[in-house]
Amino acid sequence: MLQTCFQINKKDNVITALDDLVPGKVLIYGETSHAEIEALSNVNAGHKIALRDIFAGEDIVKYGVVIGEAIQEIQKGEWVHLQNMKSKYDSRSSKLDIITGAPTDTVYE
């Protein structure tokens, strides 16, 4: 099974899954100097994967711009999402359900 990701900008430290991924080899297209990477877990299409090890507190870069900050160490090939990063622009994003994206800070009565 061919699995693919895309690097938007050479400055990016994350790539975007073009397919639903399973652990294993993933080909990288786009503005990249890397031919492939090893996905460490299942990743849904459209989600990010670390292109290299990213340290806690380090910027997450996509589109050539900072989109967030790692809240813990992220391994190369690991899914990059709400469980290990936070947005620098949207404080509410850290309160969304990791799978559904639904707000977790809303109380329904």
N, C-alpha and C. Protein backbone atom coordinates (compact mmCIF):
# COMPACT_ATOMS: atom_id res chain seq x y z
N MET A 1 0.84 -1.18 0.00
CA MET A 1 0.00 0.00 0.00
C MET A 1 0.89 1.25 0.00
N LEU A 2 0.70 2.11 -0.95
CA LEU A 2 1.45 3.36 -1.04
C LEU A 2 0.83 4.39 -0.11
N GLN A 3 1.64 4.94 0.79
CA GLN A 3 1.20 5.99 1.72
C GLN A 3 1.96 7.26 1.39
N THR A 4 1.26 8.40 1.44
CA THR A 4 1.90 9.64 1.02
C THR A 4 1.60 10.80 1.97
N CYS A 5 2.58 11.71 2.04
CA CYS A 5 2.46 12.96 2.78
C CYS A 5 2.98 14.08 1.90
N PHE A 6 2.74 15.32 2.34
CA PHE A 6 3.18 16.48 1.57
C PHE A 6 3.82 17.50 2.50
N GLN A 7 5.01 17.98 2.11
CA GLN A 7 5.66 19.07 2.83
C GLN A 7 5.38 20.35 2.04
N ILE A 8 4.75 21.32 2.67
CA ILE A 8 4.31 22.53 1.99
C ILE A 8 5.47 23.49 1.75
N ASN A 9 6.35 23.63 2.75
CA ASN A 9 7.43 24.61 2.68
C ASN A 9 8.70 23.97 3.26
N LYS A 10 9.85 24.32 2.71
CA LYS A 10 11.13 23.76 3.20
C LYS A 10 11.37 24.04 4.67
N LYS A 11 10.79 25.12 5.20
CA LYS A 11 10.98 25.48 6.61
C LYS A 11 10.13 24.63 7.56
N ASP A 12 9.16 23.90 7.03
CA ASP A 12 8.23 23.13 7.86
C ASP A 12 8.93 22.01 8.61
N ASN A 13 8.51 21.80 9.86
CA ASN A 13 9.00 20.64 10.61
C ASN A 13 7.90 19.59 10.77
N VAL A 14 6.77 19.81 10.08
CA VAL A 14 5.70 18.83 10.00
C VAL A 14 5.30 18.65 8.53
N ILE A 15 4.74 17.48 8.24
CA ILE A 15 4.21 17.20 6.91
C ILE A 15 2.76 16.79 7.07
N THR A 16 1.99 16.84 5.99
CA THR A 16 0.56 16.56 6.04
C THR A 16 0.26 15.24 5.35
N ALA A 17 -0.49 14.38 6.04
CA ALA A 17 -0.88 13.08 5.47
C ALA A 17 -1.88 13.31 4.34
N LEU A 18 -1.58 12.75 3.17
CA LEU A 18 -2.49 12.83 2.03
C LEU A 18 -3.46 11.66 2.01
N ASP A 19 -3.17 10.65 2.79
CA ASP A 19 -4.00 9.45 2.90
C ASP A 19 -4.15 9.13 4.39
N ASP A 20 -5.11 8.28 4.73
CA ASP A 20 -5.12 7.70 6.07
C ASP A 20 -3.90 6.78 6.15
N LEU A 21 -3.09 6.97 7.17
CA LEU A 21 -1.83 6.24 7.28
C LEU A 21 -1.89 5.19 8.38
N VAL A 22 -1.12 4.14 8.17
CA VAL A 22 -0.86 3.12 9.19
C VAL A 22 0.64 3.15 9.44
N PRO A 23 1.10 2.58 10.55
CA PRO A 23 2.54 2.58 10.80
C PRO A 23 3.30 1.96 9.63
N GLY A 24 4.39 2.63 9.26
CA GLY A 24 5.21 2.14 8.16
C GLY A 24 5.71 3.25 7.26
N LYS A 25 6.26 2.86 6.14
CA LYS A 25 6.90 3.78 5.20
C LYS A 25 5.88 4.71 4.55
N VAL A 26 6.25 6.00 4.49
CA VAL A 26 5.41 7.02 3.87
C VAL A 26 6.29 7.84 2.92
N LEU A 27 5.87 7.98 1.68
CA LEU A 27 6.59 8.81 0.72
C LEU A 27 6.23 10.28 0.94
N ILE A 28 7.21 11.16 0.78
CA ILE A 28 7.00 12.59 1.00
C ILE A 28 7.12 13.32 -0.33
N TYR A 29 6.08 14.09 -0.66
CA TYR A 29 6.07 14.93 -1.85
C TYR A 29 6.13 16.39 -1.43
N GLY A 30 6.36 17.27 -2.39
CA GLY A 30 6.35 18.70 -2.13
C GLY A 30 7.73 19.28 -2.03
N GLU A 31 7.82 20.36 -1.30
CA GLU A 31 9.07 21.11 -1.14
C GLU A 31 9.88 20.48 -0.02
N THR A 32 10.55 19.38 -0.33
CA THR A 32 11.22 18.59 0.70
C THR A 32 12.58 18.08 0.23
N SER A 33 13.43 17.81 1.19
CA SER A 33 14.70 17.17 0.89
C SER A 33 14.69 15.73 1.41
N HIS A 34 13.52 15.27 1.89
CA HIS A 34 13.36 13.92 2.42
C HIS A 34 12.49 13.11 1.47
N ALA A 35 12.90 11.92 1.13
CA ALA A 35 12.13 11.08 0.21
C ALA A 35 11.02 10.31 0.92
N GLU A 36 11.28 9.94 2.18
CA GLU A 36 10.30 9.13 2.90
C GLU A 36 10.51 9.28 4.40
N ILE A 37 9.53 8.78 5.14
CA ILE A 37 9.57 8.80 6.60
C ILE A 37 8.83 7.56 7.08
N GLU A 38 9.04 7.19 8.32
CA GLU A 38 8.35 6.05 8.92
C GLU A 38 7.25 6.61 9.84
N ALA A 39 5.98 6.37 9.49
CA ALA A 39 4.88 6.76 10.37
C ALA A 39 4.89 5.84 11.58
N LEU A 40 4.74 6.40 12.78
CA LEU A 40 4.81 5.61 14.00
C LEU A 40 3.45 5.09 14.47
N SER A 41 2.36 5.67 13.93
CA SER A 41 1.02 5.27 14.35
C SER A 41 0.03 5.56 13.22
N ASN A 42 -1.21 5.21 13.44
CA ASN A 42 -2.26 5.58 12.49
C ASN A 42 -2.42 7.10 12.51
N VAL A 43 -2.58 7.69 11.33
CA VAL A 43 -2.77 9.14 11.20
C VAL A 43 -3.83 9.37 10.13
N ASN A 44 -4.85 10.14 10.45
CA ASN A 44 -5.90 10.44 9.47
C ASN A 44 -5.39 11.40 8.40
N ALA A 45 -5.93 11.26 7.20
CA ALA A 45 -5.61 12.17 6.11
C ALA A 45 -5.86 13.61 6.56
N GLY A 46 -4.96 14.50 6.19
CA GLY A 46 -5.08 15.92 6.56
C GLY A 46 -4.39 16.28 7.86
N HIS A 47 -3.98 15.28 8.62
CA HIS A 47 -3.30 15.54 9.89
C HIS A 47 -1.79 15.62 9.69
N LYS A 48 -1.11 16.15 10.71
CA LYS A 48 0.32 16.40 10.64
C LYS A 48 1.14 15.26 11.24
N ILE A 49 2.36 15.11 10.69
CA ILE A 49 3.36 14.17 11.21
C ILE A 49 4.66 14.96 11.39
N ALA A 50 5.37 14.68 12.47
CA ALA A 50 6.66 15.35 12.70
C ALA A 50 7.68 14.87 11.68
N LEU A 51 8.30 15.81 10.98
CA LEU A 51 9.32 15.50 9.99
C LEU A 51 10.66 15.19 10.65
N ARG A 52 10.82 15.66 11.87
CA ARG A 52 12.03 15.41 12.66
C ARG A 52 11.62 15.45 14.12
N ASP A 53 12.53 15.09 15.02
CA ASP A 53 12.24 15.22 16.45
C ASP A 53 12.01 16.69 16.77
N ILE A 54 10.97 16.95 17.56
CA ILE A 54 10.62 18.32 17.96
C ILE A 54 10.60 18.33 19.49
N PHE A 55 11.30 19.27 20.09
CA PHE A 55 11.41 19.34 21.54
C PHE A 55 10.25 20.12 22.16
N ALA A 56 9.92 19.82 23.41
CA ALA A 56 8.90 20.57 24.14
C ALA A 56 9.27 22.04 24.14
N GLY A 57 8.31 22.90 23.83
CA GLY A 57 8.54 24.33 23.78
C GLY A 57 8.97 24.84 22.41
N GLU A 58 9.30 23.93 21.51
CA GLU A 58 9.74 24.31 20.17
C GLU A 58 8.53 24.64 19.29
N ASP A 59 8.73 25.57 18.36
CA ASP A 59 7.67 25.96 17.43
C ASP A 59 7.32 24.81 16.49
N ILE A 60 6.03 24.71 16.17
CA ILE A 60 5.54 23.83 15.11
C ILE A 60 5.39 24.73 13.88
N VAL A 61 6.05 24.34 12.78
CA VAL A 61 6.06 25.18 11.58
C VAL A 61 5.39 24.43 10.43
N LYS A 62 4.37 25.07 9.85
CA LYS A 62 3.66 24.56 8.67
C LYS A 62 3.36 25.75 7.78
N TYR A 63 3.37 25.59 6.49
CA TYR A 63 3.21 26.69 5.53
C TYR A 63 4.38 27.65 5.59
N GLY A 64 5.48 27.27 6.24
CA GLY A 64 6.62 28.15 6.40
C GLY A 64 6.45 29.15 7.54
N VAL A 65 5.38 29.00 8.32
CA VAL A 65 5.11 29.91 9.44
C VAL A 65 4.82 29.11 10.71
N VAL A 66 5.02 29.74 11.84
CA VAL A 66 4.74 29.09 13.14
C VAL A 66 3.23 29.00 13.31
N ILE A 67 2.75 27.77 13.56
CA ILE A 67 1.32 27.58 13.80
C ILE A 67 1.04 27.16 15.24
N GLY A 68 2.07 26.79 15.98
CA GLY A 68 1.86 26.34 17.36
C GLY A 68 3.16 26.03 18.05
N GLU A 69 3.03 25.36 19.19
CA GLU A 69 4.17 25.02 20.03
C GLU A 69 4.01 23.61 20.57
N ALA A 70 5.09 22.85 20.57
CA ALA A 70 5.07 21.50 21.13
C ALA A 70 4.92 21.61 22.65
N ILE A 71 4.00 20.84 23.22
CA ILE A 71 3.82 20.85 24.67
C ILE A 71 4.54 19.67 25.32
N GLN A 72 5.12 18.82 24.49
CA GLN A 72 5.94 17.71 24.95
C GLN A 72 6.85 17.32 23.79
N GLU A 73 7.82 16.47 24.06
CA GLU A 73 8.70 16.01 23.00
C GLU A 73 7.88 15.20 21.99
N ILE A 74 8.14 15.43 20.70
CA ILE A 74 7.45 14.74 19.62
C ILE A 74 8.50 14.03 18.78
N GLN A 75 8.35 12.73 18.59
CA GLN A 75 9.31 11.96 17.81
C GLN A 75 9.07 12.12 16.31
N LYS A 76 10.13 12.02 15.55
CA LYS A 76 10.04 11.99 14.09
C LYS A 76 9.08 10.87 13.70
N GLY A 77 8.11 11.19 12.84
CA GLY A 77 7.13 10.20 12.40
C GLY A 77 5.88 10.12 13.25
N GLU A 78 5.85 10.88 14.35
CA GLU A 78 4.71 10.85 15.27
C GLU A 78 3.61 11.81 14.80
N TRP A 79 2.36 11.44 15.10
CA TRP A 79 1.20 12.28 14.83
C TRP A 79 1.33 13.57 15.64
N VAL A 80 1.17 14.71 15.01
CA VAL A 80 1.24 16.01 15.67
C VAL A 80 -0.18 16.59 15.69
N HIS A 81 -0.74 16.70 16.89
CA HIS A 81 -2.13 17.15 17.02
C HIS A 81 -2.32 17.71 18.43
N LEU A 82 -3.54 17.80 18.88
CA LEU A 82 -3.86 18.45 20.16
C LEU A 82 -3.24 17.78 21.38
N GLN A 83 -2.86 16.51 21.27
CA GLN A 83 -2.29 15.80 22.41
C GLN A 83 -0.83 16.19 22.67
N ASN A 84 -0.16 16.79 21.68
CA ASN A 84 1.26 17.11 21.87
C ASN A 84 1.66 18.50 21.37
N MET A 85 0.67 19.32 20.98
CA MET A 85 0.96 20.70 20.58
C MET A 85 -0.21 21.60 20.98
N LYS A 86 0.07 22.89 21.02
CA LYS A 86 -1.00 23.87 21.24
C LYS A 86 -0.83 24.98 20.22
N SER A 87 -1.94 25.58 19.88
CA SER A 87 -1.92 26.70 18.95
C SER A 87 -1.38 27.93 19.65
N LYS A 88 -0.64 28.75 18.95
CA LYS A 88 -0.21 30.03 19.49
C LYS A 88 -1.22 31.13 19.16
N TYR A 89 -2.27 30.78 18.41
CA TYR A 89 -3.21 31.77 17.92
C TYR A 89 -4.63 31.55 18.38
N ASP A 90 -4.95 30.35 18.84
CA ASP A 90 -6.31 30.01 19.22
C ASP A 90 -6.28 29.25 20.53
N SER A 91 -6.48 29.95 21.64
CA SER A 91 -6.37 29.32 22.95
C SER A 91 -7.42 28.23 23.15
N ARG A 92 -8.54 28.31 22.47
CA ARG A 92 -9.60 27.32 22.65
C ARG A 92 -9.25 25.98 22.00
N SER A 93 -8.34 25.97 21.04
CA SER A 93 -8.02 24.72 20.34
C SER A 93 -7.48 23.65 21.29
N SER A 94 -6.90 24.06 22.40
CA SER A 94 -6.38 23.07 23.36
C SER A 94 -7.50 22.44 24.19
N LYS A 95 -8.74 22.90 23.99
CA LYS A 95 -9.89 22.35 24.72
C LYS A 95 -10.81 21.55 23.81
N LEU A 96 -10.31 21.13 22.65
CA LEU A 96 -11.11 20.34 21.71
C LEU A 96 -10.81 18.86 21.87
N ASP A 97 -11.83 18.03 21.62
CA ASP A 97 -11.65 16.59 21.66
C ASP A 97 -10.64 16.18 20.59
N ILE A 98 -9.69 15.35 20.96
CA ILE A 98 -8.59 14.98 20.07
C ILE A 98 -9.07 14.25 18.81
N ILE A 99 -10.16 13.50 18.89
CA ILE A 99 -10.66 12.75 17.73
C ILE A 99 -11.73 13.51 16.97
N THR A 100 -12.74 14.02 17.66
CA THR A 100 -13.87 14.64 16.98
C THR A 100 -13.69 16.13 16.72
N GLY A 101 -12.84 16.77 17.49
CA GLY A 101 -12.68 18.22 17.36
C GLY A 101 -13.76 19.01 18.08
N ALA A 102 -14.68 18.31 18.77
CA ALA A 102 -15.76 18.97 19.51
C ALA A 102 -15.21 19.66 20.74
N PRO A 103 -15.76 20.82 21.11
CA PRO A 103 -15.31 21.51 22.32
C PRO A 103 -15.54 20.67 23.56
N THR A 104 -14.59 20.66 24.47
CA THR A 104 -14.74 19.94 25.73
C THR A 104 -14.97 20.89 26.89
N ASP A 105 -14.98 22.19 26.60
CA ASP A 105 -15.16 23.19 27.66
C ASP A 105 -16.57 23.76 27.69
N THR A 106 -17.48 23.15 26.96
CA THR A 106 -18.87 23.60 26.93
C THR A 106 -19.70 22.69 27.79
N VAL A 107 -20.53 23.29 28.65
CA VAL A 107 -21.40 22.53 29.53
C VAL A 107 -22.81 22.55 28.94
N TYR A 108 -23.37 21.37 28.72
CA TYR A 108 -24.72 21.26 28.21
C TYR A 108 -25.63 20.81 29.36
N GLU A 109 -26.76 21.44 29.48
CA GLU A 109 -27.70 21.07 30.56
C GLU A 109 -28.96 20.53 30.00
